[in-house]
C-alpha atoms as a PDB file:
ATOM      1  CA  MET A   1      22.727   7.978 111.230  1.00  0.00           C
ATOM      2  CA  GLN A   2      18.487   7.422 110.303  1.00  0.00           C
ATOM      3  CA  THR A   3      16.406   9.885 107.937  1.00  0.00           C
ATOM      4  CA  LEU A   4      13.572  10.899 110.397  1.00  0.00           C
ATOM      5  CA  LYS A   5      10.856  12.825 108.121  1.00  0.00           C
ATOM      6  CA  ILE A   6       8.578  15.030 109.941  1.00  0.00           C
ATOM      7  CA  ILE A   7       5.837  16.576 107.719  1.00  0.00           C
ATOM      8  CA  LYS A   8       3.529  19.478 108.635  1.00  0.00           C
ATOM      9  CA  ILE A   9       0.003  19.860 106.606  1.00  0.00           C
ATOM     10  CA  GLY A  10      -2.414  22.906 106.710  1.00  0.00           C
ATOM     11  CA  GLY A  11      -5.927  24.189 106.754  1.00  0.00           C
ATOM     12  CA  ASN A  12      -6.214  23.007 102.604  1.00  0.00           C
ATOM     13  CA  ILE A  13      -5.812  19.124 104.045  1.00  0.00           C
ATOM     14  CA  ILE A  14      -7.256  19.169 106.970  1.00  0.00           C
ATOM     15  CA  ASP A  15     -10.518  20.932 105.718  1.00  0.00           C
ATOM     16  CA  ASN A  16     -11.135  18.625 102.950  1.00  0.00           C
ATOM     17  CA  ASP A  17     -12.109  15.174 104.104  1.00  0.00           C
ATOM     18  CA  ALA A  18     -10.917  13.681 100.207  1.00  0.00           C
ATOM     19  CA  ALA A  19      -7.773  15.554 100.642  1.00  0.00           C
ATOM     20  CA  LEU A  20      -7.071  14.316 104.570  1.00  0.00           C
ATOM     21  CA  HIS A  21      -8.272  10.471 103.416  1.00  0.00           C
ATOM     22  CA  ALA A  22      -5.917  10.376 100.351  1.00  0.00           C
ATOM     23  CA  PHE A  23      -2.680  11.934 102.259  1.00  0.00           C
ATOM     24  CA  LEU A  24      -2.613  10.020 105.391  1.00  0.00           C
ATOM     25  CA  LYS A  25      -3.084   7.470 102.882  1.00  0.00           C
ATOM     26  CA  ASP A  26       0.140   8.081 101.598  1.00  0.00           C
ATOM     27  CA  PHE A  27       1.710   9.468 104.354  1.00  0.00           C
ATOM     28  CA  ALA A  28       0.635   5.788 105.873  1.00  0.00           C
ATOM     29  CA  SER A  29       2.757   4.208 103.143  1.00  0.00           C
ATOM     30  CA  LEU A  30       6.039   6.129 103.605  1.00  0.00           C
ATOM     31  CA  GLN A  31       8.841   3.860 105.204  1.00  0.00           C
ATOM     32  CA  GLY A  32      11.236   4.588 108.523  1.00  0.00           C
ATOM     33  CA  PRO A  33      10.594   6.698 111.160  1.00  0.00           C
ATOM     34  CA  LYS A  34       8.520  10.206 110.598  1.00  0.00           C
ATOM     35  CA  VAL A  35       6.567  12.534 112.486  1.00  0.00           C
ATOM     36  CA  LEU A  36       3.483  14.095 111.355  1.00  0.00           C
ATOM     37  CA  VAL A  37       2.316  18.219 112.378  1.00  0.00           C
ATOM     38  CA  HIS A  38      -1.213  19.446 111.760  1.00  0.00           C
ATOM     39  CA  GLY A  39      -2.483  22.834 111.936  1.00  0.00           C
ATOM     40  CA  GLY A  40      -6.054  23.507 112.892  1.00  0.00           C
ATOM     41  CA  GLY A  41      -7.768  24.898 110.043  1.00  0.00           C
ATOM     42  CA  LYS A  42     -11.399  25.989 109.788  1.00  0.00           C
ATOM     43  CA  LEU A  43     -13.284  24.625 112.524  1.00  0.00           C
ATOM     44  CA  ALA A  44     -12.243  26.011 115.157  1.00  0.00           C
ATOM     45  CA  THR A  45     -13.446  29.339 114.340  1.00  0.00           C
ATOM     46  CA  LYS A  46     -16.937  27.365 113.095  1.00  0.00           C
ATOM     47  CA  LEU A  47     -16.954  26.638 116.296  1.00  0.00           C
ATOM     48  CA  ALA A  48     -16.381  29.926 118.031  1.00  0.00           C
ATOM     49  CA  GLN A  49     -19.327  31.055 116.669  1.00  0.00           C
ATOM     50  CA  GLN A  50     -20.962  28.286 117.187  1.00  0.00           C
ATOM     51  CA  MET A  51     -20.934  29.509 120.487  1.00  0.00           C
ATOM     52  CA  ASN A  52     -21.436  32.606 120.405  1.00  0.00           C
ATOM     53  CA  VAL A  53     -16.847  33.277 121.825  1.00  0.00           C
ATOM     54  CA  GLU A  54     -15.777  36.777 119.320  1.00  0.00           C
ATOM     55  CA  VAL A  55     -12.744  35.511 117.276  1.00  0.00           C
ATOM     56  CA  LYS A  56     -10.075  38.423 117.274  1.00  0.00           C
ATOM     57  CA  MET A  57      -7.664  38.848 114.872  1.00  0.00           C
ATOM     58  CA  THR A  58      -4.897  41.450 114.034  1.00  0.00           C
ATOM     59  CA  GLU A  59      -2.397  41.653 111.056  1.00  0.00           C
ATOM     60  CA  GLY A  60      -3.848  37.761 110.465  1.00  0.00           C
ATOM     61  CA  ARG A  61      -3.145  35.953 113.007  1.00  0.00           C
ATOM     62  CA  ARG A  62      -5.860  34.943 116.206  1.00  0.00           C
ATOM     63  CA  ILE A  63      -5.635  36.382 119.321  1.00  0.00           C
ATOM     64  CA  THR A  64      -6.463  33.764 122.214  1.00  0.00           C
ATOM     65  CA  ASP A  65      -8.010  34.540 124.659  1.00  0.00           C
ATOM     66  CA  GLN A  66      -9.094  31.910 127.182  1.00  0.00           C
ATOM     67  CA  ASP A  67     -12.429  31.374 126.081  1.00  0.00           C
ATOM     68  CA  THR A  68     -10.783  30.794 122.781  1.00  0.00           C
ATOM     69  CA  LEU A  69      -7.914  28.435 124.238  1.00  0.00           C
ATOM     70  CA  ASP A  70     -10.102  25.907 125.451  1.00  0.00           C
ATOM     71  CA  ILE A  71     -12.119  26.383 121.854  1.00  0.00           C
ATOM     72  CA  ILE A  72      -8.327  25.286 120.175  1.00  0.00           C
ATOM     73  CA  THR A  73      -7.683  22.953 122.833  1.00  0.00           C
ATOM     74  CA  MET A  74     -10.969  20.949 122.562  1.00  0.00           C
ATOM     75  CA  VAL A  75     -10.011  21.421 118.415  1.00  0.00           C
ATOM     76  CA  TYR A  76      -6.664  20.848 117.851  1.00  0.00           C
ATOM     77  CA  ALA A  77      -5.881  18.446 120.376  1.00  0.00           C
ATOM     78  CA  GLY A  78      -9.024  16.682 120.356  1.00  0.00           C
ATOM     79  CA  LYS A  79     -11.512  16.317 117.369  1.00  0.00           C
ATOM     80  CA  ILE A  80      -8.561  16.491 114.392  1.00  0.00           C
ATOM     81  CA  ASN A  81      -5.834  15.819 116.302  1.00  0.00           C
ATOM     82  CA  LYS A  82      -8.133  12.037 117.406  1.00  0.00           C
ATOM     83  CA  ASP A  83      -9.300  11.935 113.695  1.00  0.00           C
ATOM     84  CA  VAL A  84      -6.250  12.334 111.797  1.00  0.00           C
ATOM     85  CA  VAL A  85      -4.632   8.933 113.941  1.00  0.00           C
ATOM     86  CA  VAL A  86      -7.670   7.464 113.583  1.00  0.00           C
ATOM     87  CA  LYS A  87      -7.051   7.166 110.092  1.00  0.00           C
ATOM     88  CA  LEU A  88      -3.980   6.418 110.264  1.00  0.00           C
ATOM     89  CA  GLN A  89      -4.460   3.410 112.232  1.00  0.00           C
ATOM     90  CA  ALA A  90      -7.059   1.841 109.760  1.00  0.00           C
ATOM     91  CA  ASN A  91      -4.327   2.178 107.088  1.00  0.00           C
ATOM     92  CA  GLY A  92      -2.039   0.602 109.138  1.00  0.00           C
ATOM     93  CA  CYS A  93       0.122   2.796 110.623  1.00  0.00           C
ATOM     94  CA  ASN A  94       0.149   2.575 114.480  1.00  0.00           C
ATOM     95  CA  ALA A  95       0.326   6.627 115.275  1.00  0.00           C
ATOM     96  CA  ILE A  96       0.043   8.680 119.088  1.00  0.00           C
ATOM     97  CA  GLY A  97      -1.230  11.887 118.947  1.00  0.00           C
ATOM     98  CA  PHE A  98       0.610  15.353 120.926  1.00  0.00           C
ATOM     99  CA  SER A  99       0.379  18.478 122.382  1.00  0.00           C
ATOM    100  CA  GLY A 100       3.564  19.977 123.637  1.00  0.00           C
ATOM    101  CA  ALA A 101       2.325  19.432 127.340  1.00  0.00           C
ATOM    102  CA  ASP A 102       2.251  15.036 126.369  1.00  0.00           C
ATOM    103  CA  GLY A 103       5.667  14.033 127.459  1.00  0.00           C
ATOM    104  CA  ASN A 104       6.947  17.624 128.221  1.00  0.00           C
ATOM    105  CA  SER A 105       8.030  17.512 124.828  1.00  0.00           C
ATOM    106  CA  ILE A 106       7.796  21.338 123.918  1.00  0.00           C
ATOM    107  CA  VAL A 107       7.131  23.873 126.033  1.00  0.00           C
ATOM    108  CA  SER A 108       6.994  27.697 125.279  1.00  0.00           C
ATOM    109  CA  VAL A 109       6.322  31.051 127.259  1.00  0.00           C
ATOM    110  CA  LYS A 110       3.738  33.401 126.811  1.00  0.00           C
ATOM    111  CA  ARG A 111       4.241  35.740 124.241  1.00  0.00           C
ATOM    112  CA  PRO A 112       5.190  38.838 125.797  1.00  0.00           C
ATOM    113  CA  VAL A 113       3.159  42.404 125.344  1.00  0.00           C
ATOM    114  CA  LYS A 114       5.104  44.558 123.527  1.00  0.00           C
ATOM    115  CA  THR A 115       2.286  46.912 120.544  1.00  0.00           C
ATOM    116  CA  ILE A 116      -0.097  43.784 120.472  1.00  0.00           C
ATOM    117  CA  ASP A 117      -1.244  41.286 123.701  1.00  0.00           C
ATOM    118  CA  TYR A 118      -1.709  37.729 121.868  1.00  0.00           C
ATOM    119  CA  GLY A 119      -3.163  36.348 124.926  1.00  0.00           C
ATOM    120  CA  PHE A 120      -2.260  32.713 125.163  1.00  0.00           C
ATOM    121  CA  VAL A 121       0.473  32.384 122.473  1.00  0.00           C
ATOM    122  CA  GLY A 122       3.540  30.615 123.688  1.00  0.00           C
ATOM    123  CA  ASP A 123       6.614  31.123 121.484  1.00  0.00           C
ATOM    124  CA  VAL A 124       8.822  27.279 121.565  1.00  0.00           C
ATOM    125  CA  VAL A 125      11.754  27.768 124.070  1.00  0.00           C
ATOM    126  CA  HIS A 126      13.036  24.089 124.078  1.00  0.00           C
ATOM    127  CA  VAL A 127      11.886  20.887 122.827  1.00  0.00           C
ATOM    128  CA  ASN A 128      12.164  17.173 124.850  1.00  0.00           C
ATOM    129  CA  THR A 129      12.554  14.340 122.410  1.00  0.00           C
ATOM    130  CA  GLU A 130      13.678  12.071 124.845  1.00  0.00           C
ATOM    131  CA  THR A 131       9.488  10.142 124.974  1.00  0.00           C
ATOM    132  CA  LEU A 132       9.647  11.432 121.339  1.00  0.00           C
ATOM    133  CA  ASN A 133      12.902   8.558 120.177  1.00  0.00           C
ATOM    134  CA  VAL A 134      11.518   5.868 122.639  1.00  0.00           C
ATOM    135  CA  LEU A 135       8.561   5.745 120.269  1.00  0.00           C
ATOM    136  CA  LEU A 136       9.720   6.431 116.641  1.00  0.00           C
ATOM    137  CA  ASN A 137      12.481   3.404 117.780  1.00  0.00           C
ATOM    138  CA  ALA A 138       9.419   1.203 118.202  1.00  0.00           C
ATOM    139  CA  ASN A 139       7.450   2.179 115.371  1.00  0.00           C
ATOM    140  CA  VAL A 140       5.314   4.540 116.118  1.00  0.00           C
ATOM    141  CA  THR A 141       4.670   7.680 114.757  1.00  0.00           C
ATOM    142  CA  PRO A 142       3.850  11.414 117.000  1.00  0.00           C
ATOM    143  CA  VAL A 143       0.957  13.263 115.331  1.00  0.00           C
ATOM    144  CA  PHE A 144       1.491  16.164 116.799  1.00  0.00           C
ATOM    145  CA  CYS A 145      -0.805  19.740 117.272  1.00  0.00           C
ATOM    146  CA  ALA A 146      -0.447  23.094 117.337  1.00  0.00           C
ATOM    147  CA  ILE A 147      -0.550  23.048 120.807  1.00  0.00           C
ATOM    148  CA  THR A 148       2.208  23.768 123.368  1.00  0.00           C
ATOM    149  CA  HIS A 149       2.501  23.813 127.425  1.00  0.00           C
ATOM    150  CA  ASP A 150       4.799  26.461 130.148  1.00  0.00           C
ATOM    151  CA  GLU A 151       5.515  23.763 132.837  1.00  0.00           C
ATOM    152  CA  ASN A 152       3.737  26.193 134.840  1.00  0.00           C
ATOM    153  CA  GLY A 153       0.277  24.493 134.282  1.00  0.00           C
ATOM    154  CA  GLN A 154      -0.690  26.588 130.727  1.00  0.00           C
ATOM    155  CA  LEU A 155      -1.574  25.288 127.220  1.00  0.00           C
ATOM    156  CA  LEU A 156      -0.512  27.881 124.827  1.00  0.00           C
ATOM    157  CA  ASN A 157      -1.533  28.355 120.910  1.00  0.00           C
ATOM    158  CA  THR A 158       1.631  27.674 119.123  1.00  0.00           C
ATOM    159  CA  ASN A 159       1.748  28.307 115.178  1.00  0.00           C
ATOM    160  CA  ALA A 160       2.389  24.616 113.416  1.00  0.00           C
ATOM    161  CA  ASP A 161       5.296  25.594 110.866  1.00  0.00           C
ATOM    162  CA  THR A 162       6.879  26.662 113.797  1.00  0.00           C
ATOM    163  CA  ILE A 163       6.536  23.490 116.251  1.00  0.00           C
ATOM    164  CA  ALA A 164       7.198  21.665 113.040  1.00  0.00           C
ATOM    165  CA  SER A 165      11.447  23.393 112.610  1.00  0.00           C
ATOM    166  CA  GLU A 166      11.457  23.269 116.118  1.00  0.00           C
ATOM    167  CA  LEU A 167      10.736  19.361 116.222  1.00  0.00           C
ATOM    168  CA  ALA A 168      13.188  19.289 113.110  1.00  0.00           C
ATOM    169  CA  ILE A 169      15.853  20.885 115.319  1.00  0.00           C
ATOM    170  CA  GLY A 170      15.271  19.032 118.485  1.00  0.00           C
ATOM    171  CA  PHE A 171      16.121  15.244 116.462  1.00  0.00           C
ATOM    172  CA  SER A 172      18.558  16.106 114.257  1.00  0.00           C
ATOM    173  CA  LYS A 173      21.160  15.391 117.665  1.00  0.00           C
ATOM    174  CA  THR A 174      19.731  12.046 117.210  1.00  0.00           C
ATOM    175  CA  PHE A 175      18.805  11.449 113.595  1.00  0.00           C
ATOM    176  CA  GLU A 176      19.351  13.144 109.610  1.00  0.00           C
ATOM    177  CA  VAL A 177      16.285  15.513 109.323  1.00  0.00           C
ATOM    178  CA  GLU A 178      14.157  16.175 106.783  1.00  0.00           C
ATOM    179  CA  LEU A 179      11.437  18.649 107.235  1.00  0.00           C
ATOM    180  CA  TYR A 180       8.344  19.216 104.606  1.00  0.00           C
ATOM    181  CA  TYR A 181       5.841  21.641 104.614  1.00  0.00           C
ATOM    182  CA  CYS A 182       2.630  20.805 102.743  1.00  0.00           C
ATOM    183  CA  PHE A 183       0.271  23.621 101.469  1.00  0.00           C
ATOM    184  CA  GLU A 184      -1.936  24.523  98.345  1.00  0.00           C
ATOM    185  CA  LYS A 185       0.711  25.330  96.218  1.00  0.00           C
ATOM    186  CA  ASN A 186       3.935  23.354  94.269  1.00  0.00           C
ATOM    187  CA  GLY A 187       6.572  25.703  96.442  1.00  0.00           C
ATOM    188  CA  VAL A 188       6.999  29.487  96.660  1.00  0.00           C
ATOM    189  CA  LEU A 189       6.592  30.897  92.765  1.00  0.00           C
ATOM    190  CA  GLN A 190       7.822  33.780  90.853  1.00  0.00           C
ATOM    191  CA  ASP A 191       4.519  34.814  89.667  1.00  0.00           C
ATOM    192  CA  VAL A 192       1.476  34.012  92.465  1.00  0.00           C
ATOM    193  CA  ASN A 193      -1.049  33.978  89.677  1.00  0.00           C
ATOM    194  CA  ASP A 194       0.820  30.853  87.590  1.00  0.00           C
ATOM    195  CA  ASP A 195       1.492  27.627  89.818  1.00  0.00           C
ATOM    196  CA  ASN A 196       3.643  26.545  87.495  1.00  0.00           C
ATOM    197  CA  SER A 197       6.425  29.609  88.240  1.00  0.00           C
ATOM    198  CA  VAL A 198       8.001  27.654  91.440  1.00  0.00           C
ATOM    199  CA  ILE A 199      11.052  28.352  92.394  1.00  0.00           C
ATOM    200  CA  SER A 200      13.260  25.511  93.188  1.00  0.00           C
ATOM    201  CA  GLN A 201      15.944  26.174  95.378  1.00  0.00           C
ATOM    202  CA  ILE A 202      15.909  29.378  97.650  1.00  0.00           C
ATOM    203  CA  ASN A 203      19.132  29.974  99.912  1.00  0.00           C
ATOM    204  CA  THR A 204      20.131  32.878 102.069  1.00  0.00           C
ATOM    205  CA  LYS A 205      21.224  35.183  99.374  1.00  0.00           C
ATOM    206  CA  ASN A 206      18.510  34.795  96.708  1.00  0.00           C
ATOM    207  CA  TYR A 207      15.707  34.930  99.374  1.00  0.00           C
ATOM    208  CA  GLN A 208      16.866  39.148 100.658  1.00  0.00           C
ATOM    209  CA  ASP A 209      16.648  40.104  96.371  1.00  0.00           C
ATOM    210  CA  LEU A 210      13.104  38.166  96.446  1.00  0.00           C
ATOM    211  CA  ILE A 211      11.639  40.072  99.489  1.00  0.00           C
ATOM    212  CA  GLU A 212      13.388  43.015  97.858  1.00  0.00           C
ATOM    213  CA  LYS A 213      11.525  42.394  94.906  1.00  0.00           C
ATOM    214  CA  LYS A 214       8.506  41.628  96.746  1.00  0.00           C
ATOM    215  CA  ILE A 215       7.970  38.236  94.956  1.00  0.00           C
ATOM    216  CA  ILE A 216       8.030  37.022  98.817  1.00  0.00           C
ATOM    217  CA  SER A 217       5.610  39.143 101.434  1.00  0.00           C
ATOM    218  CA  ASP A 218       3.129  38.374 103.851  1.00  0.00           C
ATOM    219  CA  GLY A 219       2.396  34.783 104.662  1.00  0.00           C
ATOM    220  CA  MET A 220       4.822  33.526 103.733  1.00  0.00           C
ATOM    221  CA  LEU A 221       7.973  35.392 105.342  1.00  0.00           C
ATOM    222  CA  PRO A 222       7.405  33.904 108.447  1.00  0.00           C
ATOM    223  CA  LYS A 223       7.044  30.449 106.904  1.00  0.00           C
ATOM    224  CA  LEU A 224      10.228  30.678 105.540  1.00  0.00           C
ATOM    225  CA  ASN A 225      11.938  32.305 108.712  1.00  0.00           C
ATOM    226  CA  ASN A 226      11.100  28.974 109.808  1.00  0.00           C
ATOM    227  CA  CYS A 227      12.342  27.043 106.861  1.00  0.00           C
ATOM    228  CA  PHE A 228      15.907  29.015 107.314  1.00  0.00           C
ATOM    229  CA  HIS A 229      16.030  28.374 111.551  1.00  0.00           C
ATOM    230  CA  ALA A 230      16.239  24.799 110.572  1.00  0.00           C
ATOM    231  CA  ILE A 231      18.677  24.588 108.306  1.00  0.00           C
ATOM    232  CA  GLN A 232      20.612  27.144 110.233  1.00  0.00           C
ATOM    233  CA  LYS A 233      20.626  24.395 113.224  1.00  0.00           C
ATOM    234  CA  ASN A 234      21.553  21.283 111.264  1.00  0.00           C
ATOM    235  CA  VAL A 235      18.228  20.245 109.783  1.00  0.00           C
ATOM    236  CA  LYS A 236      19.437  18.168 106.555  1.00  0.00           C
ATOM    237  CA  LYS A 237      16.955  19.061 104.010  1.00  0.00           C
ATOM    238  CA  VAL A 238      13.797  21.498 103.990  1.00  0.00           C
ATOM    239  CA  CYS A 239      11.184  21.535 101.231  1.00  0.00           C
ATOM    240  CA  ILE A 240       8.164  23.936 100.919  1.00  0.00           C
ATOM    241  CA  GLY A 241       5.552  22.522  98.497  1.00  0.00           C
ATOM    242  CA  LYS A 242       1.891  20.283  98.009  1.00  0.00           C
ATOM    243  CA  PRO A 243       1.793  16.786  99.327  1.00  0.00           C
ATOM    244  CA  GLU A 244       3.050  14.604  96.225  1.00  0.00           C
ATOM    245  CA  MET A 245       6.310  16.478  96.448  1.00  0.00           C
ATOM    246  CA  LEU A 246       6.848  13.302  99.030  1.00  0.00           C
ATOM    247  CA  PHE A 247       5.825  10.869  97.401  1.00  0.00           C
ATOM    248  CA  ASP A 248       5.796  12.005  93.464  1.00  0.00           C
ATOM    249  CA  THR A 249       9.384  12.556  92.002  1.00  0.00           C
ATOM    250  CA  ASN A 250       8.272  14.764  89.136  1.00  0.00           C
ATOM    251  CA  ALA A 251       6.605  16.689  91.642  1.00  0.00           C
ATOM    252  CA  ASN A 252       7.901  20.111  91.744  1.00  0.00           C
ATOM    253  CA  PHE A 253       8.437  22.123  94.603  1.00  0.00           C
ATOM    254  CA  THR A 254      11.211  24.247  96.959  1.00  0.00           C
ATOM    255  CA  THR A 255      14.335  23.802  98.293  1.00  0.00           C
ATOM    256  CA  ILE A 256      15.544  26.006 100.785  1.00  0.00           C
ATOM    257  CA  THR A 257      19.486  26.285 101.630  1.00  0.00           C
ATOM    258  CA  LEU A 258      22.110  27.998 102.783  1.00  0.00           C
END
């Protein structure tokens, strides 16, 4: 079975023109089928402020009302996604931009209101890989933004880490999937102030211990939950670290295992 690499990048790359240029040049050189998933960075917040649309956050998560959804659709599926695609074309990588609505590729439901109403935020329920498999077999690279749909005409803001994880699971039926989360650290750290204190491997046993000791907390928890969700659903390999882990055999990073 052929190997497919699914790579997620966040704001540390998206918001830095030099870092994005360097990453996409390296990404384009990766051999074999690949999928890129990108977050939104700071541009949506900046545009909202310019348009006098209030940015509402709770527990570090964006509340997505209709005005906010309009802005993130313009930024995520428009400006950022097309900037990434055109830079990949310039580096000889034939790419095509996707939201979850395109090709009916990622279906979500609007998150139910419990204690907090997140607005137009989607929780993924299904991934369709048929169209994507055709593109990959034609040597075309899908580039996904963090927007899905509900099959009833509604776009939904969806966590990019979750999109990467769910795509990896969906493709695991037709590929041996490797999932890479690229961010600003060398990996999951034993000491957040020491970038060299990388925990090289996290499994289901030491994960709970790391949580209890508060070594893993806050924003790293949902990222790692996505990692374990993927590895438990037949994704072959899941790694977290700086983008160098994809290109440098000596790079430090964290591997998630059962």
